[in-house]
Amino acid sequence: MKVKELIDSFNYAVSGIMTAMKLEKSLRIHYIAAIAVISLSTLFNLTRVEFMILLLTVVLVVVLEMINTAIEKTIDMITREYHPLARVIKDVSAGAVLIATFNAVIVGYLMFFERLNPFKELVLLKIRNSPIHLTFVALILVALLTVGLKSKFYKGHGTHFQGGVVSGHSAVAFCIATIVSILSENLLIITLVFGLAFLVAESRVEGKIHSAMETIVGGILGILVGILIFQIVG
């Protein structure tokens, strides 16, 4: 009987993980990021202690996200009406996840900073020696492609430049971040400019001007144009 209870407990726990994955998009994002980070860590010859730190950091984010989901669903079950304390509880639990996420970013950066420098130099050496006017070529091309895509997939409401299938702000921000990264030799600067580009994209989603997918499309467009112009033309 005890063995059956143990197996049932294990199944319930797995069911809880799968349910949380289905309910929370943010948890799915953390899950994919965890797989990517752990997989890529095999390429950087981490020590046993470094891998333990990385694993604990990743697990902490995922566990806190699951606890946050459980708290939110409990509050929703207790009351559907607005209550200031319910909001405080949800905000505090979400804040815990945010702190753990920032901690994971810092740990990852400190752990991979030195290991990424040689790779960065190898990849960007040719691009960095390209003519500087290609910066303006890349920005102009991003603007033209954004306008073309917005016109092609115009949804028939609002203006062509508000919303649309691709976020122009995200495209320009990530293109600039890519160009700065190409011209810079400092990995910290590269991290900061891409962080700023991410904030620009996030603000478009927060302002309900674009969906997350539209900002992602814009970001990919900006990065690809920045790289391709410097790599191919340069």
C-alpha atoms as a PDB file:
ATOM      1  CA  MET A   1       0.000   0.000   0.000  1.00  0.00           C
ATOM      2  CA  LYS A   2       2.813   2.382   0.878  1.00  0.00           C
ATOM      3  CA  VAL A   3       4.468   1.728  -2.480  1.00  0.00           C
ATOM      4  CA  LYS A   4       1.221   2.571  -4.265  1.00  0.00           C
ATOM      5  CA  GLU A   5       0.877   5.770  -2.212  1.00  0.00           C
ATOM      6  CA  LEU A   6       4.439   6.722  -3.145  1.00  0.00           C
ATOM      7  CA  ILE A   7       3.743   6.106  -6.833  1.00  0.00           C
ATOM      8  CA  ASP A   8       0.496   8.086  -6.606  1.00  0.00           C
ATOM      9  CA  SER A   9       2.314  10.988  -4.935  1.00  0.00           C
ATOM     10  CA  PHE A  10       4.896  10.970  -7.705  1.00  0.00           C
ATOM     11  CA  ASN A  11       2.165  10.964 -10.366  1.00  0.00           C
ATOM     12  CA  TYR A  12       0.348  13.829  -8.635  1.00  0.00           C
ATOM     13  CA  ALA A  13       3.567  15.828  -8.539  1.00  0.00           C
ATOM     14  CA  VAL A  14       4.223  15.242 -12.244  1.00  0.00           C
ATOM     15  CA  SER A  15       0.615  16.159 -12.987  1.00  0.00           C
ATOM     16  CA  GLY A  16       1.122  19.401 -11.051  1.00  0.00           C
ATOM     17  CA  ILE A  17       4.180  20.267 -13.114  1.00  0.00           C
ATOM     18  CA  MET A  18       2.364  19.581 -16.386  1.00  0.00           C
ATOM     19  CA  THR A  19      -0.699  21.551 -15.276  1.00  0.00           C
ATOM     20  CA  ALA A  20       1.436  24.542 -14.305  1.00  0.00           C
ATOM     21  CA  MET A  21       3.149  24.362 -17.696  1.00  0.00           C
ATOM     22  CA  LYS A  22      -0.208  24.452 -19.478  1.00  0.00           C
ATOM     23  CA  LEU A  23      -1.588  27.304 -17.359  1.00  0.00           C
ATOM     24  CA  GLU A  24       1.373  29.673 -17.267  1.00  0.00           C
ATOM     25  CA  LYS A  25       3.074  31.004 -20.382  1.00  0.00           C
ATOM     26  CA  SER A  26       5.869  32.520 -18.278  1.00  0.00           C
ATOM     27  CA  LEU A  27       6.644  29.105 -16.809  1.00  0.00           C
ATOM     28  CA  ARG A  28       6.939  27.656 -20.308  1.00  0.00           C
ATOM     29  CA  ILE A  29       9.393  30.413 -21.175  1.00  0.00           C
ATOM     30  CA  HIS A  30      11.469  29.665 -18.067  1.00  0.00           C
ATOM     31  CA  TYR A  31      11.317  25.960 -18.906  1.00  0.00           C
ATOM     32  CA  ILE A  32      12.636  26.520 -22.438  1.00  0.00           C
ATOM     33  CA  ALA A  33      15.323  28.874 -21.119  1.00  0.00           C
ATOM     34  CA  ALA A  34      16.370  26.258 -18.549  1.00  0.00           C
ATOM     35  CA  ILE A  35      16.756  23.598 -21.241  1.00  0.00           C
ATOM     36  CA  ALA A  36      18.763  25.999 -23.431  1.00  0.00           C
ATOM     37  CA  VAL A  37      21.082  27.118 -20.620  1.00  0.00           C
ATOM     38  CA  ILE A  38      21.744  23.620 -19.317  1.00  0.00           C
ATOM     39  CA  SER A  39      22.351  22.308 -22.849  1.00  0.00           C
ATOM     40  CA  LEU A  40      24.723  25.153 -23.746  1.00  0.00           C
ATOM     41  CA  SER A  41      26.613  24.737 -20.472  1.00  0.00           C
ATOM     42  CA  THR A  42      28.047  21.490 -21.852  1.00  0.00           C
ATOM     43  CA  LEU A  43      30.013  23.554 -24.416  1.00  0.00           C
ATOM     44  CA  PHE A  44      31.866  25.673 -21.857  1.00  0.00           C
ATOM     45  CA  ASN A  45      33.706  23.117 -19.718  1.00  0.00           C
ATOM     46  CA  LEU A  46      32.108  24.124 -16.417  1.00  0.00           C
ATOM     47  CA  THR A  47      33.531  22.742 -13.194  1.00  0.00           C
ATOM     48  CA  ARG A  48      31.343  20.608 -10.952  1.00  0.00           C
ATOM     49  CA  VAL A  49      30.812  23.502  -8.531  1.00  0.00           C
ATOM     50  CA  GLU A  50      29.945  25.919 -11.349  1.00  0.00           C
ATOM     51  CA  PHE A  51      27.423  23.477 -12.785  1.00  0.00           C
ATOM     52  CA  MET A  52      25.842  23.010  -9.339  1.00  0.00           C
ATOM     53  CA  ILE A  53      25.491  26.790  -8.950  1.00  0.00           C
ATOM     54  CA  LEU A  54      23.986  27.083 -12.431  1.00  0.00           C
ATOM     55  CA  LEU A  55      21.569  24.210 -11.816  1.00  0.00           C
ATOM     56  CA  LEU A  56      20.418  25.580  -8.450  1.00  0.00           C
ATOM     57  CA  THR A  57      19.878  29.020  -9.989  1.00  0.00           C
ATOM     58  CA  VAL A  58      17.770  27.636 -12.838  1.00  0.00           C
ATOM     59  CA  VAL A  59      15.751  25.377 -10.529  1.00  0.00           C
ATOM     60  CA  LEU A  60      15.110  28.271  -8.130  1.00  0.00           C
ATOM     61  CA  VAL A  61      13.471  30.325 -10.891  1.00  0.00           C
ATOM     62  CA  VAL A  62      11.271  27.435 -12.046  1.00  0.00           C
ATOM     63  CA  VAL A  63      10.230  26.458  -8.497  1.00  0.00           C
ATOM     64  CA  LEU A  64       9.346  30.038  -7.546  1.00  0.00           C
ATOM     65  CA  GLU A  65       7.323  30.405 -10.752  1.00  0.00           C
ATOM     66  CA  MET A  66       5.346  27.278  -9.830  1.00  0.00           C
ATOM     67  CA  ILE A  67       4.763  28.561  -6.278  1.00  0.00           C
ATOM     68  CA  ASN A  68       3.638  31.881  -7.732  1.00  0.00           C
ATOM     69  CA  THR A  69       1.151  30.043  -9.954  1.00  0.00           C
ATOM     70  CA  ALA A  70      -0.191  28.054  -6.990  1.00  0.00           C
ATOM     71  CA  ILE A  71      -0.649  31.225  -4.941  1.00  0.00           C
ATOM     72  CA  GLU A  72      -2.450  33.009  -7.769  1.00  0.00           C
ATOM     73  CA  LYS A  73      -4.843  30.100  -8.353  1.00  0.00           C
ATOM     74  CA  THR A  74      -5.527  29.846  -4.611  1.00  0.00           C
ATOM     75  CA  ILE A  75      -6.421  33.546  -4.431  1.00  0.00           C
ATOM     76  CA  ASP A  76      -8.666  33.201  -7.487  1.00  0.00           C
ATOM     77  CA  MET A  77     -10.397  30.223  -5.885  1.00  0.00           C
ATOM     78  CA  ILE A  78     -11.054  32.109  -2.641  1.00  0.00           C
ATOM     79  CA  THR A  79     -12.376  35.299  -4.198  1.00  0.00           C
ATOM     80  CA  ARG A  80     -13.205  36.623  -7.650  1.00  0.00           C
ATOM     81  CA  GLU A  81     -13.805  40.131  -6.354  1.00  0.00           C
ATOM     82  CA  TYR A  82     -11.089  42.754  -6.139  1.00  0.00           C
ATOM     83  CA  HIS A  83      -9.395  42.879  -2.759  1.00  0.00           C
ATOM     84  CA  PRO A  84      -6.306  45.008  -1.989  1.00  0.00           C
ATOM     85  CA  LEU A  85      -4.697  42.230   0.072  1.00  0.00           C
ATOM     86  CA  ALA A  86      -5.213  39.716  -2.735  1.00  0.00           C
ATOM     87  CA  ARG A  87      -3.356  42.032  -5.071  1.00  0.00           C
ATOM     88  CA  VAL A  88      -0.542  42.485  -2.533  1.00  0.00           C
ATOM     89  CA  ILE A  89      -0.161  38.709  -2.213  1.00  0.00           C
ATOM     90  CA  LYS A  90      -0.011  38.247  -5.997  1.00  0.00           C
ATOM     91  CA  ASP A  91       2.427  41.143  -6.462  1.00  0.00           C
ATOM     92  CA  VAL A  92       4.754  39.881  -3.715  1.00  0.00           C
ATOM     93  CA  SER A  93       4.853  36.349  -5.134  1.00  0.00           C
ATOM     94  CA  ALA A  94       5.485  37.721  -8.628  1.00  0.00           C
ATOM     95  CA  GLY A  95       8.235  39.924  -7.181  1.00  0.00           C
ATOM     96  CA  ALA A  96       9.951  36.854  -5.761  1.00  0.00           C
ATOM     97  CA  VAL A  97      10.052  35.328  -9.251  1.00  0.00           C
ATOM     98  CA  LEU A  98      11.435  38.569 -10.684  1.00  0.00           C
ATOM     99  CA  ILE A  99      14.253  38.692  -8.114  1.00  0.00           C
ATOM    100  CA  ALA A 100      15.155  35.070  -8.841  1.00  0.00           C
ATOM    101  CA  THR A 101      15.146  35.808 -12.584  1.00  0.00           C
ATOM    102  CA  PHE A 102      17.462  38.795 -12.188  1.00  0.00           C
ATOM    103  CA  ASN A 103      19.724  36.652 -10.017  1.00  0.00           C
ATOM    104  CA  ALA A 104      19.794  33.965 -12.720  1.00  0.00           C
ATOM    105  CA  VAL A 105      20.775  36.530 -15.357  1.00  0.00           C
ATOM    106  CA  ILE A 106      23.602  37.857 -13.177  1.00  0.00           C
ATOM    107  CA  VAL A 107      24.858  34.361 -12.335  1.00  0.00           C
ATOM    108  CA  GLY A 108      24.785  33.353 -16.002  1.00  0.00           C
ATOM    109  CA  TYR A 109      26.585  36.514 -17.056  1.00  0.00           C
ATOM    110  CA  LEU A 110      29.338  36.159 -14.450  1.00  0.00           C
ATOM    111  CA  MET A 111      29.744  32.486 -15.227  1.00  0.00           C
ATOM    112  CA  PHE A 112      29.954  32.794 -19.022  1.00  0.00           C
ATOM    113  CA  PHE A 113      31.550  36.262 -19.350  1.00  0.00           C
ATOM    114  CA  GLU A 114      35.151  35.129 -19.745  1.00  0.00           C
ATOM    115  CA  ARG A 115      34.228  32.067 -21.759  1.00  0.00           C
ATOM    116  CA  LEU A 116      32.258  34.088 -24.336  1.00  0.00           C
ATOM    117  CA  ASN A 117      34.977  36.693 -24.973  1.00  0.00           C
ATOM    118  CA  PRO A 118      37.133  34.529 -27.309  1.00  0.00           C
ATOM    119  CA  PHE A 119      34.029  33.446 -29.244  1.00  0.00           C
ATOM    120  CA  LYS A 120      32.907  37.061 -29.574  1.00  0.00           C
ATOM    121  CA  GLU A 121      36.290  38.135 -30.914  1.00  0.00           C
ATOM    122  CA  LEU A 122      36.352  35.322 -33.460  1.00  0.00           C
ATOM    123  CA  VAL A 123      32.874  35.980 -34.815  1.00  0.00           C
ATOM    124  CA  LEU A 124      32.991  39.789 -34.853  1.00  0.00           C
ATOM    125  CA  LEU A 125      36.549  40.389 -36.100  1.00  0.00           C
ATOM    126  CA  LYS A 126      35.654  40.614 -39.786  1.00  0.00           C
ATOM    127  CA  ILE A 127      32.419  42.514 -39.162  1.00  0.00           C
ATOM    128  CA  ARG A 128      34.074  45.149 -36.976  1.00  0.00           C
ATOM    129  CA  ASN A 129      36.469  46.094 -39.782  1.00  0.00           C
ATOM    130  CA  SER A 130      33.590  46.880 -42.159  1.00  0.00           C
ATOM    131  CA  PRO A 131      32.924  50.458 -43.377  1.00  0.00           C
ATOM    132  CA  ILE A 132      31.120  52.612 -40.788  1.00  0.00           C
ATOM    133  CA  HIS A 133      28.529  53.872 -43.304  1.00  0.00           C
ATOM    134  CA  LEU A 134      27.005  50.409 -43.250  1.00  0.00           C
ATOM    135  CA  THR A 135      25.441  51.426 -39.933  1.00  0.00           C
ATOM    136  CA  PHE A 136      23.152  53.852 -41.753  1.00  0.00           C
ATOM    137  CA  VAL A 137      22.523  51.333 -44.530  1.00  0.00           C
ATOM    138  CA  ALA A 138      21.318  48.823 -41.945  1.00  0.00           C
ATOM    139  CA  LEU A 139      19.042  51.331 -40.174  1.00  0.00           C
ATOM    140  CA  ILE A 140      17.529  52.555 -43.438  1.00  0.00           C
ATOM    141  CA  LEU A 141      16.944  48.976 -44.585  1.00  0.00           C
ATOM    142  CA  VAL A 142      15.242  48.113 -41.284  1.00  0.00           C
ATOM    143  CA  ALA A 143      12.954  51.145 -41.647  1.00  0.00           C
ATOM    144  CA  LEU A 144      12.073  50.258 -45.255  1.00  0.00           C
ATOM    145  CA  LEU A 145      11.391  46.609 -44.448  1.00  0.00           C
ATOM    146  CA  THR A 146       9.248  47.584 -41.449  1.00  0.00           C
ATOM    147  CA  VAL A 147       7.157  49.969 -43.533  1.00  0.00           C
ATOM    148  CA  GLY A 148       6.787  47.355 -46.273  1.00  0.00           C
ATOM    149  CA  LEU A 149       5.675  44.642 -43.859  1.00  0.00           C
ATOM    150  CA  LYS A 150       3.230  46.980 -42.113  1.00  0.00           C
ATOM    151  CA  SER A 151       1.710  47.962 -45.453  1.00  0.00           C
ATOM    152  CA  LYS A 152       1.539  44.371 -46.687  1.00  0.00           C
ATOM    153  CA  PHE A 153      -0.162  43.031 -43.569  1.00  0.00           C
ATOM    154  CA  TYR A 154      -2.205  46.123 -42.620  1.00  0.00           C
ATOM    155  CA  LYS A 155      -5.218  44.987 -40.576  1.00  0.00           C
ATOM    156  CA  GLY A 156      -7.554  47.792 -41.661  1.00  0.00           C
ATOM    157  CA  HIS A 157      -7.891  49.626 -38.341  1.00  0.00           C
ATOM    158  CA  GLY A 158      -5.888  52.383 -36.716  1.00  0.00           C
ATOM    159  CA  THR A 159      -2.862  53.744 -38.513  1.00  0.00           C
ATOM    160  CA  HIS A 160      -0.223  51.847 -40.449  1.00  0.00           C
ATOM    161  CA  PHE A 161       2.430  52.789 -37.903  1.00  0.00           C
ATOM    162  CA  GLN A 162       0.457  51.833 -34.793  1.00  0.00           C
ATOM    163  CA  GLY A 163       0.659  48.122 -34.200  1.00  0.00           C
ATOM    164  CA  GLY A 164       1.048  45.886 -37.230  1.00  0.00           C
ATOM    165  CA  VAL A 165       2.648  42.561 -37.899  1.00  0.00           C
ATOM    166  CA  VAL A 166       6.106  43.812 -36.905  1.00  0.00           C
ATOM    167  CA  SER A 167       7.199  46.267 -34.226  1.00  0.00           C
ATOM    168  CA  GLY A 168       9.268  49.011 -35.829  1.00  0.00           C
ATOM    169  CA  HIS A 169      10.551  50.210 -32.449  1.00  0.00           C
ATOM    170  CA  SER A 170      11.796  46.703 -31.623  1.00  0.00           C
ATOM    171  CA  ALA A 171      13.361  46.291 -35.060  1.00  0.00           C
ATOM    172  CA  VAL A 172      15.293  49.575 -34.829  1.00  0.00           C
ATOM    173  CA  ALA A 173      16.255  48.995 -31.173  1.00  0.00           C
ATOM    174  CA  PHE A 174      17.658  45.523 -31.833  1.00  0.00           C
ATOM    175  CA  CYS A 175      19.359  46.661 -35.030  1.00  0.00           C
ATOM    176  CA  ILE A 176      21.125  49.442 -33.093  1.00  0.00           C
ATOM    177  CA  ALA A 177      22.004  46.969 -30.335  1.00  0.00           C
ATOM    178  CA  THR A 178      23.458  44.609 -32.939  1.00  0.00           C
ATOM    179  CA  ILE A 179      25.527  47.382 -34.532  1.00  0.00           C
ATOM    180  CA  VAL A 180      26.845  48.548 -31.154  1.00  0.00           C
ATOM    181  CA  SER A 181      27.708  44.940 -30.350  1.00  0.00           C
ATOM    182  CA  ILE A 182      29.566  44.585 -33.634  1.00  0.00           C
ATOM    183  CA  LEU A 183      31.602  47.742 -33.074  1.00  0.00           C
ATOM    184  CA  SER A 184      32.211  47.212 -29.357  1.00  0.00           C
ATOM    185  CA  GLU A 185      34.866  45.045 -27.771  1.00  0.00           C
ATOM    186  CA  ASN A 186      33.227  45.038 -24.347  1.00  0.00           C
ATOM    187  CA  LEU A 187      30.837  42.210 -23.523  1.00  0.00           C
ATOM    188  CA  LEU A 188      29.292  44.262 -20.717  1.00  0.00           C
ATOM    189  CA  ILE A 189      28.322  46.989 -23.214  1.00  0.00           C
ATOM    190  CA  ILE A 190      26.837  44.353 -25.508  1.00  0.00           C
ATOM    191  CA  THR A 191      24.752  42.987 -22.652  1.00  0.00           C
ATOM    192  CA  LEU A 192      23.533  46.449 -21.661  1.00  0.00           C
ATOM    193  CA  VAL A 193      22.503  47.554 -25.165  1.00  0.00           C
ATOM    194  CA  PHE A 194      20.572  44.360 -25.756  1.00  0.00           C
ATOM    195  CA  GLY A 195      18.980  44.853 -22.349  1.00  0.00           C
ATOM    196  CA  LEU A 196      17.839  48.312 -23.435  1.00  0.00           C
ATOM    197  CA  ALA A 197      16.504  46.890 -26.702  1.00  0.00           C
ATOM    198  CA  PHE A 198      14.556  44.308 -24.720  1.00  0.00           C
ATOM    199  CA  LEU A 199      13.058  47.083 -22.564  1.00  0.00           C
ATOM    200  CA  VAL A 200      11.947  48.916 -25.710  1.00  0.00           C
ATOM    201  CA  ALA A 201      10.231  45.757 -26.968  1.00  0.00           C
ATOM    202  CA  GLU A 202       8.684  45.107 -23.559  1.00  0.00           C
ATOM    203  CA  SER A 203       7.275  48.643 -23.430  1.00  0.00           C
ATOM    204  CA  ARG A 204       5.455  48.069 -26.745  1.00  0.00           C
ATOM    205  CA  VAL A 205       3.802  44.967 -25.314  1.00  0.00           C
ATOM    206  CA  GLU A 206       3.077  46.670 -21.986  1.00  0.00           C
ATOM    207  CA  GLY A 207       1.437  49.565 -23.813  1.00  0.00           C
ATOM    208  CA  LYS A 208      -0.757  47.070 -25.727  1.00  0.00           C
ATOM    209  CA  ILE A 209       0.526  48.451 -29.029  1.00  0.00           C
ATOM    210  CA  HIS A 210       2.063  45.158 -30.156  1.00  0.00           C
ATOM    211  CA  SER A 211       1.790  41.529 -29.171  1.00  0.00           C
ATOM    212  CA  ALA A 212       4.824  39.678 -27.868  1.00  0.00           C
ATOM    213  CA  MET A 213       5.155  37.859 -31.206  1.00  0.00           C
ATOM    214  CA  GLU A 214       5.166  41.143 -33.153  1.00  0.00           C
ATOM    215  CA  THR A 215       8.014  42.496 -31.005  1.00  0.00           C
ATOM    216  CA  ILE A 216       9.907  39.216 -31.440  1.00  0.00           C
ATOM    217  CA  VAL A 217       9.517  39.454 -35.216  1.00  0.00           C
ATOM    218  CA  GLY A 218      10.767  43.041 -35.056  1.00  0.00           C
ATOM    219  CA  GLY A 219      13.733  42.049 -32.913  1.00  0.00           C
ATOM    220  CA  ILE A 220      14.710  39.209 -35.239  1.00  0.00           C
ATOM    221  CA  LEU A 221      14.379  41.501 -38.252  1.00  0.00           C
ATOM    222  CA  GLY A 222      16.630  44.122 -36.675  1.00  0.00           C
ATOM    223  CA  ILE A 223      19.289  41.613 -35.642  1.00  0.00           C
ATOM    224  CA  LEU A 224      19.348  39.833 -38.997  1.00  0.00           C
ATOM    225  CA  VAL A 225      19.598  43.046 -40.998  1.00  0.00           C
ATOM    226  CA  GLY A 226      22.370  44.359 -38.750  1.00  0.00           C
ATOM    227  CA  ILE A 227      24.408  41.188 -39.069  1.00  0.00           C
ATOM    228  CA  LEU A 228      23.773  40.549 -42.759  1.00  0.00           C
ATOM    229  CA  ILE A 229      24.635  44.094 -43.874  1.00  0.00           C
ATOM    230  CA  PHE A 230      27.935  44.085 -42.016  1.00  0.00           C
ATOM    231  CA  GLN A 231      28.792  40.490 -42.847  1.00  0.00           C
ATOM    232  CA  ILE A 232      27.802  40.292 -46.510  1.00  0.00           C
ATOM    233  CA  VAL A 233      28.290  43.859 -47.750  1.00  0.00           C
ATOM    234  CA  GLY A 234      31.220  44.463 -45.428  1.00  0.00           C
END
